[in-house]
All heavy atoms as atom14 arrays in JSON, in Angstrom:
{
  "sequence": "RLDERLARWLLMLHDRAEDDRIDLTQADIAGMLGVRRATV",
  "atom14_mask": [
    [1, 1, 1, 1, 1, 1, 1, 1, 1, 1, 1, 0, 0, 0],
    [1, 1, 1, 1, 1, 1, 1, 1, 0, 0, 0, 0, 0, 0],
    [1, 1, 1, 1, 1, 1, 1, 1, 0, 0, 0, 0, 0, 0],
    [1, 1, 1, 1, 1, 1, 1, 1, 1, 0, 0, 0, 0, 0],
    [1, 1, 1, 1, 1, 1, 1, 1, 1, 1, 1, 0, 0, 0],
    [1, 1, 1, 1, 1, 1, 1, 1, 0, 0, 0, 0, 0, 0],
    [1, 1, 1, 1, 1, 0, 0, 0, 0, 0, 0, 0, 0, 0],
    [1, 1, 1, 1, 1, 1, 1, 1, 1, 1, 1, 0, 0, 0],
    [1, 1, 1, 1, 1, 1, 1, 1, 1, 1, 1, 1, 1, 1],
    [1, 1, 1, 1, 1, 1, 1, 1, 0, 0, 0, 0, 0, 0],
    [1, 1, 1, 1, 1, 1, 1, 1, 0, 0, 0, 0, 0, 0],
    [1, 1, 1, 1, 1, 1, 1, 1, 0, 0, 0, 0, 0, 0],
    [1, 1, 1, 1, 1, 1, 1, 1, 0, 0, 0, 0, 0, 0],
    [1, 1, 1, 1, 1, 1, 1, 1, 1, 1, 0, 0, 0, 0],
    [1, 1, 1, 1, 1, 1, 1, 1, 0, 0, 0, 0, 0, 0],
    [1, 1, 1, 1, 1, 1, 1, 1, 1, 1, 1, 0, 0, 0],
    [1, 1, 1, 1, 1, 0, 0, 0, 0, 0, 0, 0, 0, 0],
    [1, 1, 1, 1, 1, 1, 1, 1, 1, 0, 0, 0, 0, 0],
    [1, 1, 1, 1, 1, 1, 1, 1, 0, 0, 0, 0, 0, 0],
    [1, 1, 1, 1, 1, 1, 1, 1, 0, 0, 0, 0, 0, 0],
    [1, 1, 1, 1, 1, 1, 1, 1, 1, 1, 1, 0, 0, 0],
    [1, 1, 1, 1, 1, 1, 1, 1, 0, 0, 0, 0, 0, 0],
    [1, 1, 1, 1, 1, 1, 1, 1, 0, 0, 0, 0, 0, 0],
    [1, 1, 1, 1, 1, 1, 1, 1, 0, 0, 0, 0, 0, 0],
    [1, 1, 1, 1, 1, 1, 1, 0, 0, 0, 0, 0, 0, 0],
    [1, 1, 1, 1, 1, 1, 1, 1, 1, 0, 0, 0, 0, 0],
    [1, 1, 1, 1, 1, 0, 0, 0, 0, 0, 0, 0, 0, 0],
    [1, 1, 1, 1, 1, 1, 1, 1, 0, 0, 0, 0, 0, 0],
    [1, 1, 1, 1, 1, 1, 1, 1, 0, 0, 0, 0, 0, 0],
    [1, 1, 1, 1, 1, 0, 0, 0, 0, 0, 0, 0, 0, 0],
    [1, 1, 1, 1, 0, 0, 0, 0, 0, 0, 0, 0, 0, 0],
    [1, 1, 1, 1, 1, 1, 1, 1, 0, 0, 0, 0, 0, 0],
    [1, 1, 1, 1, 1, 1, 1, 1, 0, 0, 0, 0, 0, 0],
    [1, 1, 1, 1, 0, 0, 0, 0, 0, 0, 0, 0, 0, 0],
    [1, 1, 1, 1, 1, 1, 1, 0, 0, 0, 0, 0, 0, 0],
    [1, 1, 1, 1, 1, 1, 1, 1, 1, 1, 1, 0, 0, 0],
    [1, 1, 1, 1, 1, 1, 1, 1, 1, 1, 1, 0, 0, 0],
    [1, 1, 1, 1, 1, 0, 0, 0, 0, 0, 0, 0, 0, 0],
    [1, 1, 1, 1, 1, 1, 1, 0, 0, 0, 0, 0, 0, 0],
    [1, 1, 1, 1, 1, 1, 1, 0, 0, 0, 0, 0, 0, 0]
  ],
  "atom14_positions": [
    [[-6.37, 4.6, 3.56], [-5.87, 4.75, 2.19], [-6.1, 3.47, 1.4], [-6.12, 2.36, 1.96], [-4.38, 5.08, 2.18], [-3.99, 6.37, 2.87], [-2.56, 6.75, 2.47], [-1.66, 5.61, 2.53], [-0.89, 5.29, 3.58], [-0.96, 6.02, 4.68], [-0.09, 4.24, 3.53], [0.0, 0.0, 0.0], [0.0, 0.0, 0.0], [0.0, 0.0, 0.0]],
    [[-6.23, 3.6, 0.1], [-6.54, 2.45, -0.74], [-5.41, 1.42, -0.73], [-5.66, 0.22, -0.78], [-6.84, 2.9, -2.17], [-7.28, 1.79, -3.13], [-8.51, 1.05, -2.58], [-7.57, 2.36, -4.51], [0.0, 0.0, 0.0], [0.0, 0.0, 0.0], [0.0, 0.0, 0.0], [0.0, 0.0, 0.0], [0.0, 0.0, 0.0], [0.0, 0.0, 0.0]],
    [[-4.15, 1.85, -0.67], [-3.06, 0.89, -0.63], [-3.12, 0.05, 0.64], [-2.85, -1.16, 0.62], [-1.7, 1.59, -0.77], [-1.43, 2.58, 0.35], [-2.34, 3.35, 0.7], [-0.3, 2.6, 0.86], [0.0, 0.0, 0.0], [0.0, 0.0, 0.0], [0.0, 0.0, 0.0], [0.0, 0.0, 0.0], [0.0, 0.0, 0.0], [0.0, 0.0, 0.0]],
    [[-3.51, 0.66, 1.77], [-3.67, -0.08, 3.01], [-4.84, -1.05, 2.93], [-4.76, -2.19, 3.38], [-3.89, 0.89, 4.18], [-2.72, 1.8, 4.46], [-3.03, 2.83, 5.53], [-4.2, 3.28, 5.59], [-2.11, 3.17, 6.3], [0.0, 0.0, 0.0], [0.0, 0.0, 0.0], [0.0, 0.0, 0.0], [0.0, 0.0, 0.0], [0.0, 0.0, 0.0]],
    [[-5.93, -0.6, 2.32], [-7.11, -1.45, 2.17], [-6.81, -2.63, 1.25], [-7.24, -3.76, 1.51], [-8.27, -0.64, 1.61], [-8.84, 0.39, 2.58], [-9.77, 1.35, 1.87], [-10.79, 0.65, 1.09], [-11.49, 1.21, 0.09], [-11.25, 2.47, -0.26], [-12.4, 0.51, -0.56], [0.0, 0.0, 0.0], [0.0, 0.0, 0.0], [0.0, 0.0, 0.0]],
    [[-6.08, -2.37, 0.16], [-5.73, -3.44, -0.77], [-4.84, -4.47, -0.08], [-5.04, -5.68, -0.24], [-5.03, -2.87, -2.0], [-4.54, -3.91, -3.03], [-5.69, -4.78, -3.51], [-3.85, -3.2, -4.2], [0.0, 0.0, 0.0], [0.0, 0.0, 0.0], [0.0, 0.0, 0.0], [0.0, 0.0, 0.0], [0.0, 0.0, 0.0], [0.0, 0.0, 0.0]],
    [[-3.88, -4.01, 0.7], [-3.01, -4.94, 1.43], [-3.83, -5.78, 2.41], [-3.63, -7.0, 2.51], [-1.92, -4.16, 2.18], [0.0, 0.0, 0.0], [0.0, 0.0, 0.0], [0.0, 0.0, 0.0], [0.0, 0.0, 0.0], [0.0, 0.0, 0.0], [0.0, 0.0, 0.0], [0.0, 0.0, 0.0], [0.0, 0.0, 0.0], [0.0, 0.0, 0.0]],
    [[-4.76, -5.14, 3.12], [-5.61, -5.88, 4.06], [-6.43, -6.94, 3.33], [-6.53, -8.09, 3.77], [-6.55, -4.91, 4.79], [-7.63, -5.6, 5.63], [-8.63, -4.61, 6.19], [-9.39, -3.9, 5.18], [-10.47, -4.39, 4.55], [-10.9, -5.61, 4.81], [-11.1, -3.66, 3.66], [0.0, 0.0, 0.0], [0.0, 0.0, 0.0], [0.0, 0.0, 0.0]],
    [[-7.02, -6.55, 2.2], [-7.88, -7.47, 1.47], [-7.09, -8.65, 0.91], [-7.54, -9.79, 0.97], [-8.58, -6.7, 0.35], [-9.62, -7.51, -0.36], [-10.86, -7.86, 0.1], [-9.48, -8.1, -1.65], [-11.52, -8.62, -0.85], [-10.69, -8.79, -1.92], [-8.46, -8.11, -2.61], [-10.9, -9.48, -3.11], [-8.67, -8.81, -3.8], [-9.89, -9.47, -4.03]],
    [[-5.88, -8.38, 0.41], [-5.05, -9.46, -0.11], [-4.64, -10.42, 1.0], [-4.57, -11.64, 0.79], [-3.82, -8.88, -0.81], [-4.06, -8.2, -2.15], [-2.78, -7.54, -2.65], [-4.6, -9.19, -3.18], [0.0, 0.0, 0.0], [0.0, 0.0, 0.0], [0.0, 0.0, 0.0], [0.0, 0.0, 0.0], [0.0, 0.0, 0.0], [0.0, 0.0, 0.0]],
    [[-4.38, -9.89, 2.19], [-4.04, -10.75, 3.33], [-5.21, -11.67, 3.68], [-5.01, -12.86, 3.94], [-3.67, -9.89, 4.54], [-2.31, -9.2, 4.49], [-2.2, -8.15, 5.6], [-1.17, -10.22, 4.61], [0.0, 0.0, 0.0], [0.0, 0.0, 0.0], [0.0, 0.0, 0.0], [0.0, 0.0, 0.0], [0.0, 0.0, 0.0], [0.0, 0.0, 0.0]],
    [[-6.42, -11.12, 3.71], [-7.59, -11.93, 4.03], [-7.79, -13.03, 2.99], [-8.13, -14.17, 3.33], [-8.83, -11.04, 4.11], [-8.83, -10.08, 5.28], [-10.3, -9.02, 5.32], [-11.58, -10.24, 5.58], [0.0, 0.0, 0.0], [0.0, 0.0, 0.0], [0.0, 0.0, 0.0], [0.0, 0.0, 0.0], [0.0, 0.0, 0.0], [0.0, 0.0, 0.0]],
    [[-7.59, -12.69, 1.73], [-7.74, -13.69, 0.67], [-6.62, -14.72, 0.74], [-6.85, -15.92, 0.56], [-7.75, -12.98, -0.69], [-8.42, -13.73, -1.84], [-9.88, -14.03, -1.51], [-8.31, -12.93, -3.12], [0.0, 0.0, 0.0], [0.0, 0.0, 0.0], [0.0, 0.0, 0.0], [0.0, 0.0, 0.0], [0.0, 0.0, 0.0], [0.0, 0.0, 0.0]],
    [[-5.41, -14.26, 1.02], [-4.25, -15.15, 1.13], [-4.45, -16.16, 2.26], [-4.07, -17.33, 2.13], [-2.99, -14.31, 1.36], [-1.72, -15.1, 1.27], [-0.74, -15.02, 2.23], [-1.26, -15.98, 0.34], [0.26, -15.81, 1.9], [-0.02, -16.4, 0.76], [0.0, 0.0, 0.0], [0.0, 0.0, 0.0], [0.0, 0.0, 0.0], [0.0, 0.0, 0.0]],
    [[-5.03, -15.72, 3.35], [-5.32, -16.64, 4.47], [-6.2, -17.8, 4.03], [-6.1, -18.9, 4.58], [-6.04, -15.89, 5.6], [-5.11, -15.02, 6.42], [-3.89, -15.27, 6.39], [-5.61, -14.09, 7.08], [0.0, 0.0, 0.0], [0.0, 0.0, 0.0], [0.0, 0.0, 0.0], [0.0, 0.0, 0.0], [0.0, 0.0, 0.0], [0.0, 0.0, 0.0]],
    [[-7.08, -17.55, 3.1], [-8.07, -18.54, 2.68], [-7.71, -19.23, 1.37], [-8.5, -19.99, 0.84], [-9.44, -17.85, 2.57], [-9.95, -17.34, 3.91], [-11.04, -16.29, 3.76], [-11.59, -15.92, 5.05], [-11.06, -15.01, 5.87], [-9.94, -14.37, 5.52], [-11.62, -14.72, 7.03], [0.0, 0.0, 0.0], [0.0, 0.0, 0.0], [0.0, 0.0, 0.0]],
    [[-6.53, -18.94, 0.84], [-6.08, -19.52, -0.42], [-5.25, -20.77, -0.16], [-4.83, -21.03, 0.98], [-5.27, -18.5, -1.21], [0.0, 0.0, 0.0], [0.0, 0.0, 0.0], [0.0, 0.0, 0.0], [0.0, 0.0, 0.0], [0.0, 0.0, 0.0], [0.0, 0.0, 0.0], [0.0, 0.0, 0.0], [0.0, 0.0, 0.0], [0.0, 0.0, 0.0]],
    [[-5.0, -21.52, -1.21], [-4.22, -22.75, -1.08], [-2.75, -22.54, -1.39], [-1.93, -23.41, -1.12], [-4.78, -23.83, -2.02], [-6.16, -24.34, -1.64], [-7.27, -23.36, -1.98], [-7.26, -22.81, -3.11], [-8.14, -23.12, -1.12], [0.0, 0.0, 0.0], [0.0, 0.0, 0.0], [0.0, 0.0, 0.0], [0.0, 0.0, 0.0], [0.0, 0.0, 0.0]],
    [[-2.41, -21.4, -1.97], [-1.01, -21.11, -2.29], [-0.82, -19.6, -2.38], [-1.76, -18.83, -2.17], [-0.59, -21.8, -3.58], [-1.54, -21.51, -4.74], [-1.86, -20.33, -4.97], [-1.96, -22.46, -5.43], [0.0, 0.0, 0.0], [0.0, 0.0, 0.0], [0.0, 0.0, 0.0], [0.0, 0.0, 0.0], [0.0, 0.0, 0.0], [0.0, 0.0, 0.0]],
    [[0.39, -19.18, -2.69], [0.72, -17.76, -2.73], [0.17, -17.06, -3.96], [-0.02, -15.85, -3.95], [2.23, -17.55, -2.68], [2.83, -17.94, -1.33], [2.1, -17.9, -0.33], [4.03, -18.3, -1.29], [0.0, 0.0, 0.0], [0.0, 0.0, 0.0], [0.0, 0.0, 0.0], [0.0, 0.0, 0.0], [0.0, 0.0, 0.0], [0.0, 0.0, 0.0]],
    [[-0.05, -17.81, -5.01], [-0.6, -17.22, -6.24], [-2.11, -17.34, -6.21], [-2.67, -18.42, -6.03], [-0.03, -17.93, -7.47], [-0.63, -17.43, -8.76], [0.1, -17.93, -9.97], [-0.73, -17.85, -11.17], [-0.27, -17.82, -12.41], [1.02, -17.85, -12.63], [-1.1, -17.76, -13.44], [0.0, 0.0, 0.0], [0.0, 0.0, 0.0], [0.0, 0.0, 0.0]],
    [[-2.78, -16.21, -6.42], [-4.23, -16.14, -6.34], [-4.76, -15.64, -7.67], [-4.31, -14.62, -8.19], [-4.66, -15.17, -5.21], [-4.01, -15.56, -3.88], [-6.17, -15.15, -5.07], [-4.15, -14.52, -2.79], [0.0, 0.0, 0.0], [0.0, 0.0, 0.0], [0.0, 0.0, 0.0], [0.0, 0.0, 0.0], [0.0, 0.0, 0.0], [0.0, 0.0, 0.0]],
    [[-5.72, -16.37, -8.22], [-6.33, -15.95, -9.49], [-7.25, -14.76, -9.23], [-8.29, -14.89, -8.61], [-7.11, -17.1, -10.11], [-6.21, -18.23, -10.59], [-5.04, -17.94, -10.89], [-6.68, -19.38, -10.64], [0.0, 0.0, 0.0], [0.0, 0.0, 0.0], [0.0, 0.0, 0.0], [0.0, 0.0, 0.0], [0.0, 0.0, 0.0], [0.0, 0.0, 0.0]],
    [[-6.84, -13.6, -9.74], [-7.58, -12.35, -9.55], [-7.35, -11.44, -10.74], [-6.23, -11.33, -11.23], [-7.11, -11.61, -8.3], [-7.56, -12.09, -6.92], [-6.81, -11.28, -5.86], [-9.05, -11.92, -6.74], [0.0, 0.0, 0.0], [0.0, 0.0, 0.0], [0.0, 0.0, 0.0], [0.0, 0.0, 0.0], [0.0, 0.0, 0.0], [0.0, 0.0, 0.0]],
    [[-8.38, -10.79, -11.19], [-8.22, -9.75, -12.19], [-8.35, -8.38, -11.51], [-8.83, -8.28, -10.38], [-9.28, -9.86, -13.29], [-10.58, -9.58, -12.71], [-9.29, -11.25, -13.89], [0.0, 0.0, 0.0], [0.0, 0.0, 0.0], [0.0, 0.0, 0.0], [0.0, 0.0, 0.0], [0.0, 0.0, 0.0], [0.0, 0.0, 0.0], [0.0, 0.0, 0.0]],
    [[-7.92, -7.35, -12.21], [-8.11, -6.0, -11.66], [-9.58, -5.68, -11.48], [-9.97, -4.98, -10.53], [-7.44, -4.97, -12.58], [-5.92, -5.02, -12.54], [-5.28, -3.9, -13.31], [-4.07, -3.73, -13.26], [-6.04, -3.12, -14.03], [0.0, 0.0, 0.0], [0.0, 0.0, 0.0], [0.0, 0.0, 0.0], [0.0, 0.0, 0.0], [0.0, 0.0, 0.0]],
    [[-10.41, -6.22, -12.37], [-11.85, -5.99, -12.24], [-12.39, -6.65, -10.97], [-13.26, -6.09, -10.3], [-12.58, -6.55, -13.47], [0.0, 0.0, 0.0], [0.0, 0.0, 0.0], [0.0, 0.0, 0.0], [0.0, 0.0, 0.0], [0.0, 0.0, 0.0], [0.0, 0.0, 0.0], [0.0, 0.0, 0.0], [0.0, 0.0, 0.0], [0.0, 0.0, 0.0]],
    [[-11.87, -7.84, -10.64], [-12.28, -8.5, -9.4], [-11.98, -7.63, -8.2], [-12.82, -7.4, -7.33], [-11.55, -9.84, -9.23], [-11.96, -10.88, -10.25], [-13.08, -10.79, -10.78], [-11.15, -11.78, -10.52], [0.0, 0.0, 0.0], [0.0, 0.0, 0.0], [0.0, 0.0, 0.0], [0.0, 0.0, 0.0], [0.0, 0.0, 0.0], [0.0, 0.0, 0.0]],
    [[-10.73, -7.15, -8.15], [-10.3, -6.34, -7.0], [-11.09, -5.04, -6.93], [-11.52, -4.62, -5.85], [-8.78, -6.06, -7.1], [-8.0, -7.38, -7.08], [-8.33, -5.17, -5.95], [-6.52, -7.22, -7.36], [0.0, 0.0, 0.0], [0.0, 0.0, 0.0], [0.0, 0.0, 0.0], [0.0, 0.0, 0.0], [0.0, 0.0, 0.0], [0.0, 0.0, 0.0]],
    [[-11.28, -4.41, -8.07], [-12.03, -3.15, -8.1], [-13.45, -3.36, -7.58], [-13.98, -2.54, -6.83], [-12.06, -2.59, -9.52], [0.0, 0.0, 0.0], [0.0, 0.0, 0.0], [0.0, 0.0, 0.0], [0.0, 0.0, 0.0], [0.0, 0.0, 0.0], [0.0, 0.0, 0.0], [0.0, 0.0, 0.0], [0.0, 0.0, 0.0], [0.0, 0.0, 0.0]],
    [[-14.06, -4.48, -7.99], [-15.41, -4.76, -7.53], [-15.49, -4.99, -6.04], [-16.44, -4.56, -5.37], [0.0, 0.0, 0.0], [0.0, 0.0, 0.0], [0.0, 0.0, 0.0], [0.0, 0.0, 0.0], [0.0, 0.0, 0.0], [0.0, 0.0, 0.0], [0.0, 0.0, 0.0], [0.0, 0.0, 0.0], [0.0, 0.0, 0.0], [0.0, 0.0, 0.0]],
    [[-14.49, -5.67, -5.47], [-14.49, -5.94, -4.03], [-14.27, -4.66, -3.22], [-14.87, -4.48, -2.17], [-13.39, -6.95, -3.68], [-13.6, -8.35, -4.25], [-15.15, -9.12, -3.78], [-16.09, -8.93, -5.3], [0.0, 0.0, 0.0], [0.0, 0.0, 0.0], [0.0, 0.0, 0.0], [0.0, 0.0, 0.0], [0.0, 0.0, 0.0], [0.0, 0.0, 0.0]],
    [[-13.4, -3.8, -3.72], [-13.06, -2.58, -2.97], [-13.94, -1.39, -3.33], [-13.86, -0.34, -2.68], [-11.58, -2.23, -3.2], [-10.56, -3.26, -2.72], [-9.14, -2.8, -3.03], [-10.71, -3.53, -1.23], [0.0, 0.0, 0.0], [0.0, 0.0, 0.0], [0.0, 0.0, 0.0], [0.0, 0.0, 0.0], [0.0, 0.0, 0.0], [0.0, 0.0, 0.0]],
    [[-14.75, -1.52, -4.37], [-15.64, -0.44, -4.75], [-14.94, 0.75, -5.37], [-15.32, 1.9, -5.13], [0.0, 0.0, 0.0], [0.0, 0.0, 0.0], [0.0, 0.0, 0.0], [0.0, 0.0, 0.0], [0.0, 0.0, 0.0], [0.0, 0.0, 0.0], [0.0, 0.0, 0.0], [0.0, 0.0, 0.0], [0.0, 0.0, 0.0], [0.0, 0.0, 0.0]],
    [[-13.89, 0.48, -6.18], [-13.14, 1.55, -6.82], [-12.99, 1.25, -8.31], [-13.39, 0.18, -8.78], [-11.74, 1.73, -6.19], [-11.88, 2.13, -4.73], [-10.92, 0.45, -6.32], [0.0, 0.0, 0.0], [0.0, 0.0, 0.0], [0.0, 0.0, 0.0], [0.0, 0.0, 0.0], [0.0, 0.0, 0.0], [0.0, 0.0, 0.0], [0.0, 0.0, 0.0]],
    [[-12.41, 2.18, -9.06], [-12.21, 2.0, -10.49], [-11.03, 1.06, -10.76], [-10.09, 1.0, -9.98], [-11.98, 3.33, -11.18], [-13.17, 4.29, -11.12], [-12.88, 5.57, -11.88], [-11.72, 6.27, -11.35], [-10.57, 6.41, -12.0], [-10.43, 5.89, -13.22], [-9.57, 7.06, -11.45], [0.0, 0.0, 0.0], [0.0, 0.0, 0.0], [0.0, 0.0, 0.0]],
    [[-11.06, 0.37, -11.89], [-9.97, -0.54, -12.25], [-8.66, 0.22, -12.39], [-7.59, -0.29, -12.01], [-10.31, -1.26, -13.56], [-11.43, -2.27, -13.43], [-11.84, -2.85, -14.78], [-10.73, -3.5, -15.46], [-10.83, -4.08, -16.66], [-11.98, -4.05, -17.3], [-9.8, -4.66, -17.22], [0.0, 0.0, 0.0], [0.0, 0.0, 0.0], [0.0, 0.0, 0.0]],
    [[-8.72, 1.43, -12.95], [-7.49, 2.2, -13.13], [-6.85, 2.52, -11.78], [-5.61, 2.52, -11.65], [-7.8, 3.49, -13.89], [0.0, 0.0, 0.0], [0.0, 0.0, 0.0], [0.0, 0.0, 0.0], [0.0, 0.0, 0.0], [0.0, 0.0, 0.0], [0.0, 0.0, 0.0], [0.0, 0.0, 0.0], [0.0, 0.0, 0.0], [0.0, 0.0, 0.0]],
    [[-7.67, 2.76, -10.78], [-7.16, 3.05, -9.43], [-6.49, 1.82, -8.85], [-5.43, 1.92, -8.21], [-8.3, 3.51, -8.52], [-8.96, 4.63, -9.11], [-7.77, 3.91, -7.15], [0.0, 0.0, 0.0], [0.0, 0.0, 0.0], [0.0, 0.0, 0.0], [0.0, 0.0, 0.0], [0.0, 0.0, 0.0], [0.0, 0.0, 0.0], [0.0, 0.0, 0.0]],
    [[-7.08, 0.66, -9.06], [-6.48, -0.59, -8.58], [-5.12, -0.8, -9.22], [-4.16, -1.21, -8.56], [-7.4, -1.79, -8.88], [-6.68, -3.11, -8.61], [-8.66, -1.71, -8.04], [0.0, 0.0, 0.0], [0.0, 0.0, 0.0], [0.0, 0.0, 0.0], [0.0, 0.0, 0.0], [0.0, 0.0, 0.0], [0.0, 0.0, 0.0], [0.0, 0.0, 0.0]]
  ]
}
């Protein structure tokens, strides 16, 4: 499911980030997951 995939992707990014706040737009996330921005 997309919610599971989004959680996985955020965890992977969080592992490689310097803090809890990550600069991301909905367009960024949509592009990484291959879905529409509205779905994100």
